[in-house]
Each structure stands twice: as structure tokens, then as C-alpha cells.
Amino acid sequence: MNFLQIVAAVIILYLCIYALINRVCKCIEHCATARAYSKFRENDVQTKIDNLDATVKKLNKEREDVKKTIS
């Protein structure tokens, strides 16, 4: 094999490994998102975009109340 063939083989190998790792990472991300949404549903947290701001404020207030209680 000459130099150009080795370079081409390395580039192709790199792209294949990159594509495989990228696909695995996307799968992990999708699974984590699905788990988060299921926990939101278990805890009756609204995930609709319209109510998102109010929900975030409510959860932050609850977290601050817990911190005050602990302190």
C-alpha cells in the first residue's frame, strides 16, 4: 500500500468510528430525555411550553424553601 491509500484508509476508519460514537451518544441522550419526561409525569410537573416559565419558578421557589428549612 502506498501513502495515499494508507491516508484514505485512516480517514475512512476515522469517519466510521466517529459515526458510530455519534450514534451511541445520541441514543444515550434520547434515553435520558425520555427518563426525565417520565419523572416529570410521575411528579405531575407540567412540561407544556406554555406553562414552562411558571413551572420553573414554582420549582425554584420550592428548592429555596427546602434550603431555608435545612439551614
N, C-alpha and C. Protein backbone atom coordinates (compact mmCIF):
# COMPACT_ATOMS: atom_id res chain seq x y z
N MET A 1 0.84 -1.18 0.00
CA MET A 1 0.00 0.00 0.00
C MET A 1 0.89 1.25 0.00
N ASN A 2 0.52 2.17 -0.83
CA ASN A 2 1.30 3.40 -0.84
C ASN A 2 0.72 4.38 0.17
N PHE A 3 1.35 5.53 0.29
CA PHE A 3 0.99 6.52 1.31
C PHE A 3 -0.44 7.02 1.16
N LEU A 4 -0.88 7.29 -0.04
CA LEU A 4 -2.24 7.80 -0.26
C LEU A 4 -3.31 6.79 0.15
N GLN A 5 -3.06 5.53 -0.11
CA GLN A 5 -4.02 4.50 0.28
C GLN A 5 -4.11 4.39 1.80
N ILE A 6 -2.98 4.52 2.48
CA ILE A 6 -2.98 4.47 3.95
C ILE A 6 -3.73 5.67 4.51
N VAL A 7 -3.50 6.84 3.95
CA VAL A 7 -4.20 8.05 4.41
C VAL A 7 -5.70 7.90 4.18
N ALA A 8 -6.09 7.42 3.03
CA ALA A 8 -7.51 7.21 2.73
C ALA A 8 -8.13 6.21 3.69
N ALA A 9 -7.42 5.14 3.98
CA ALA A 9 -7.93 4.12 4.91
C ALA A 9 -8.09 4.70 6.31
N VAL A 10 -7.15 5.50 6.75
CA VAL A 10 -7.23 6.11 8.08
C VAL A 10 -8.41 7.07 8.14
N ILE A 11 -8.62 7.86 7.11
CA ILE A 11 -9.74 8.80 7.09
C ILE A 11 -11.07 8.06 7.12
N ILE A 12 -11.19 7.02 6.33
CA ILE A 12 -12.42 6.23 6.30
C ILE A 12 -12.66 5.56 7.65
N LEU A 13 -11.63 5.02 8.26
CA LEU A 13 -11.74 4.40 9.58
C LEU A 13 -12.17 5.43 10.62
N TYR A 14 -11.57 6.62 10.57
CA TYR A 14 -11.93 7.68 11.50
C TYR A 14 -13.40 8.06 11.34
N LEU A 15 -13.87 8.23 10.13
CA LEU A 15 -15.26 8.60 9.89
C LEU A 15 -16.23 7.53 10.38
N CYS A 16 -15.88 6.27 10.19
CA CYS A 16 -16.75 5.19 10.66
C CYS A 16 -16.83 5.16 12.18
N ILE A 17 -15.70 5.32 12.83
CA ILE A 17 -15.69 5.32 14.29
C ILE A 17 -16.44 6.53 14.82
N TYR A 18 -16.23 7.68 14.19
CA TYR A 18 -16.94 8.90 14.60
C TYR A 18 -18.45 8.72 14.46
N ALA A 19 -18.89 8.17 13.36
CA ALA A 19 -20.32 7.97 13.13
C ALA A 19 -20.91 7.01 14.17
N LEU A 20 -20.18 5.97 14.51
CA LEU A 20 -20.65 5.00 15.50
C LEU A 20 -20.76 5.65 16.87
N ILE A 21 -19.75 6.38 17.29
CA ILE A 21 -19.76 7.03 18.60
C ILE A 21 -20.85 8.10 18.64
N ASN A 22 -21.02 8.84 17.56
CA ASN A 22 -22.06 9.86 17.49
C ASN A 22 -23.44 9.24 17.65
N ARG A 23 -23.67 8.13 17.01
CA ARG A 23 -24.97 7.45 17.09
C ARG A 23 -25.24 6.94 18.50
N VAL A 24 -24.22 6.38 19.15
CA VAL A 24 -24.38 5.89 20.52
C VAL A 24 -24.68 7.06 21.46
N CYS A 25 -23.97 8.17 21.30
CA CYS A 25 -24.21 9.34 22.16
C CYS A 25 -25.62 9.89 21.98
N LYS A 26 -26.11 9.93 20.75
CA LYS A 26 -27.47 10.40 20.50
C LYS A 26 -28.48 9.48 21.16
N CYS A 27 -28.23 8.19 21.11
CA CYS A 27 -29.13 7.23 21.74
C CYS A 27 -29.16 7.44 23.25
N ILE A 28 -28.00 7.65 23.86
CA ILE A 28 -27.93 7.89 25.30
C ILE A 28 -28.68 9.17 25.65
N GLU A 29 -28.51 10.21 24.82
CA GLU A 29 -29.20 11.48 25.07
C GLU A 29 -30.72 11.32 24.97
N HIS A 30 -31.19 10.58 23.99
CA HIS A 30 -32.63 10.37 23.83
C HIS A 30 -33.18 9.57 25.00
N CYS A 31 -32.45 8.57 25.45
CA CYS A 31 -32.90 7.77 26.59
C CYS A 31 -32.98 8.62 27.86
N ALA A 32 -31.99 9.49 28.07
CA ALA A 32 -32.00 10.37 29.24
C ALA A 32 -33.17 11.35 29.18
N THR A 33 -33.46 11.86 28.00
CA THR A 33 -34.59 12.77 27.84
C THR A 33 -35.91 12.05 28.14
N ALA A 34 -36.03 10.84 27.65
CA ALA A 34 -37.26 10.08 27.90
C ALA A 34 -37.42 9.79 29.39
N ARG A 35 -36.34 9.46 30.07
CA ARG A 35 -36.42 9.22 31.52
C ARG A 35 -36.82 10.49 32.26
N ALA A 36 -36.27 11.62 31.85
CA ALA A 36 -36.60 12.88 32.51
C ALA A 36 -38.08 13.19 32.34
N TYR A 37 -38.61 13.03 31.13
CA TYR A 37 -40.02 13.29 30.92
C TYR A 37 -40.90 12.33 31.71
N SER A 38 -40.47 11.09 31.84
CA SER A 38 -41.27 10.15 32.63
C SER A 38 -41.27 10.55 34.10
N LYS A 39 -40.14 11.06 34.61
CA LYS A 39 -40.11 11.52 36.00
C LYS A 39 -40.97 12.77 36.18
N PHE A 40 -40.98 13.64 35.17
CA PHE A 40 -41.85 14.80 35.24
C PHE A 40 -43.31 14.35 35.34
N ARG A 41 -43.67 13.38 34.55
CA ARG A 41 -45.06 12.90 34.57
C ARG A 41 -45.39 12.24 35.90
N GLU A 42 -44.45 11.48 36.47
CA GLU A 42 -44.69 10.83 37.77
C GLU A 42 -44.94 11.88 38.86
N ASN A 43 -44.24 13.00 38.77
CA ASN A 43 -44.35 14.04 39.80
C ASN A 43 -45.37 15.11 39.45
N ASP A 44 -46.16 14.88 38.42
CA ASP A 44 -47.20 15.82 37.97
C ASP A 44 -46.65 17.21 37.67
N VAL A 45 -45.48 17.26 37.05
CA VAL A 45 -44.89 18.53 36.63
C VAL A 45 -45.32 18.79 35.19
N GLN A 46 -45.84 19.98 34.93
CA GLN A 46 -46.29 20.33 33.60
C GLN A 46 -45.08 20.52 32.69
N THR A 47 -45.09 19.89 31.52
CA THR A 47 -43.98 20.03 30.59
C THR A 47 -44.39 20.77 29.32
N LYS A 48 -45.58 21.33 29.32
CA LYS A 48 -46.01 22.09 28.15
C LYS A 48 -45.24 23.41 28.10
N ILE A 49 -44.93 23.86 26.92
CA ILE A 49 -44.10 25.05 26.74
C ILE A 49 -44.82 26.30 27.28
N ASP A 50 -46.14 26.33 27.22
CA ASP A 50 -46.90 27.49 27.69
C ASP A 50 -46.73 27.68 29.20
N ASN A 51 -46.70 26.60 29.94
CA ASN A 51 -46.62 26.66 31.40
C ASN A 51 -45.20 26.49 31.92
N LEU A 52 -44.24 26.43 31.04
CA LEU A 52 -42.88 26.11 31.46
C LEU A 52 -42.30 27.17 32.38
N ASP A 53 -42.50 28.43 32.08
CA ASP A 53 -41.95 29.51 32.90
C ASP A 53 -42.52 29.44 34.32
N ALA A 54 -43.82 29.27 34.42
CA ALA A 54 -44.45 29.19 35.74
C ALA A 54 -43.97 27.95 36.50
N THR A 55 -43.79 26.85 35.80
CA THR A 55 -43.33 25.62 36.44
C THR A 55 -41.92 25.79 36.97
N VAL A 56 -41.04 26.42 36.20
CA VAL A 56 -39.66 26.62 36.63
C VAL A 56 -39.62 27.53 37.86
N LYS A 57 -40.41 28.59 37.85
CA LYS A 57 -40.46 29.48 39.01
C LYS A 57 -40.97 28.75 40.25
N LYS A 58 -41.98 27.91 40.07
CA LYS A 58 -42.53 27.16 41.18
C LYS A 58 -41.50 26.20 41.76
N LEU A 59 -40.79 25.49 40.89
CA LEU A 59 -39.79 24.54 41.36
C LEU A 59 -38.61 25.24 42.04
N ASN A 60 -38.21 26.40 41.53
CA ASN A 60 -37.14 27.17 42.16
C ASN A 60 -37.57 27.66 43.55
N LYS A 61 -38.82 28.08 43.68
CA LYS A 61 -39.33 28.52 44.97
C LYS A 61 -39.33 27.36 45.96
N GLU A 62 -39.76 26.18 45.51
CA GLU A 62 -39.76 25.01 46.38
C GLU A 62 -38.34 24.65 46.81
N ARG A 63 -37.39 24.77 45.90
CA ARG A 63 -36.00 24.46 46.23
C ARG A 63 -35.46 25.45 47.26
N GLU A 64 -35.80 26.73 47.11
CA GLU A 64 -35.36 27.73 48.07
C GLU A 64 -35.99 27.49 49.44
N ASP A 65 -37.25 27.06 49.44
CA ASP A 65 -37.91 26.76 50.71
C ASP A 65 -37.23 25.59 51.43
N VAL A 66 -36.82 24.60 50.67
CA VAL A 66 -36.12 23.46 51.26
C VAL A 66 -34.76 23.89 51.82
N LYS A 67 -34.06 24.77 51.10
CA LYS A 67 -32.76 25.26 51.58
C LYS A 67 -32.94 26.04 52.88
N LYS A 68 -34.00 26.85 52.96
CA LYS A 68 -34.25 27.61 54.19
C LYS A 68 -34.58 26.68 55.34
N THR A 69 -35.33 25.62 55.05
CA THR A 69 -35.70 24.67 56.09
C THR A 69 -34.47 23.94 56.62
N ILE A 70 -33.57 23.59 55.73
CA ILE A 70 -32.36 22.87 56.12
C ILE A 70 -31.41 23.76 56.91
N SER A 71 -31.33 25.04 56.54
CA SER A 71 -30.39 25.97 57.20
C SER A 71 -30.77 26.31 58.59
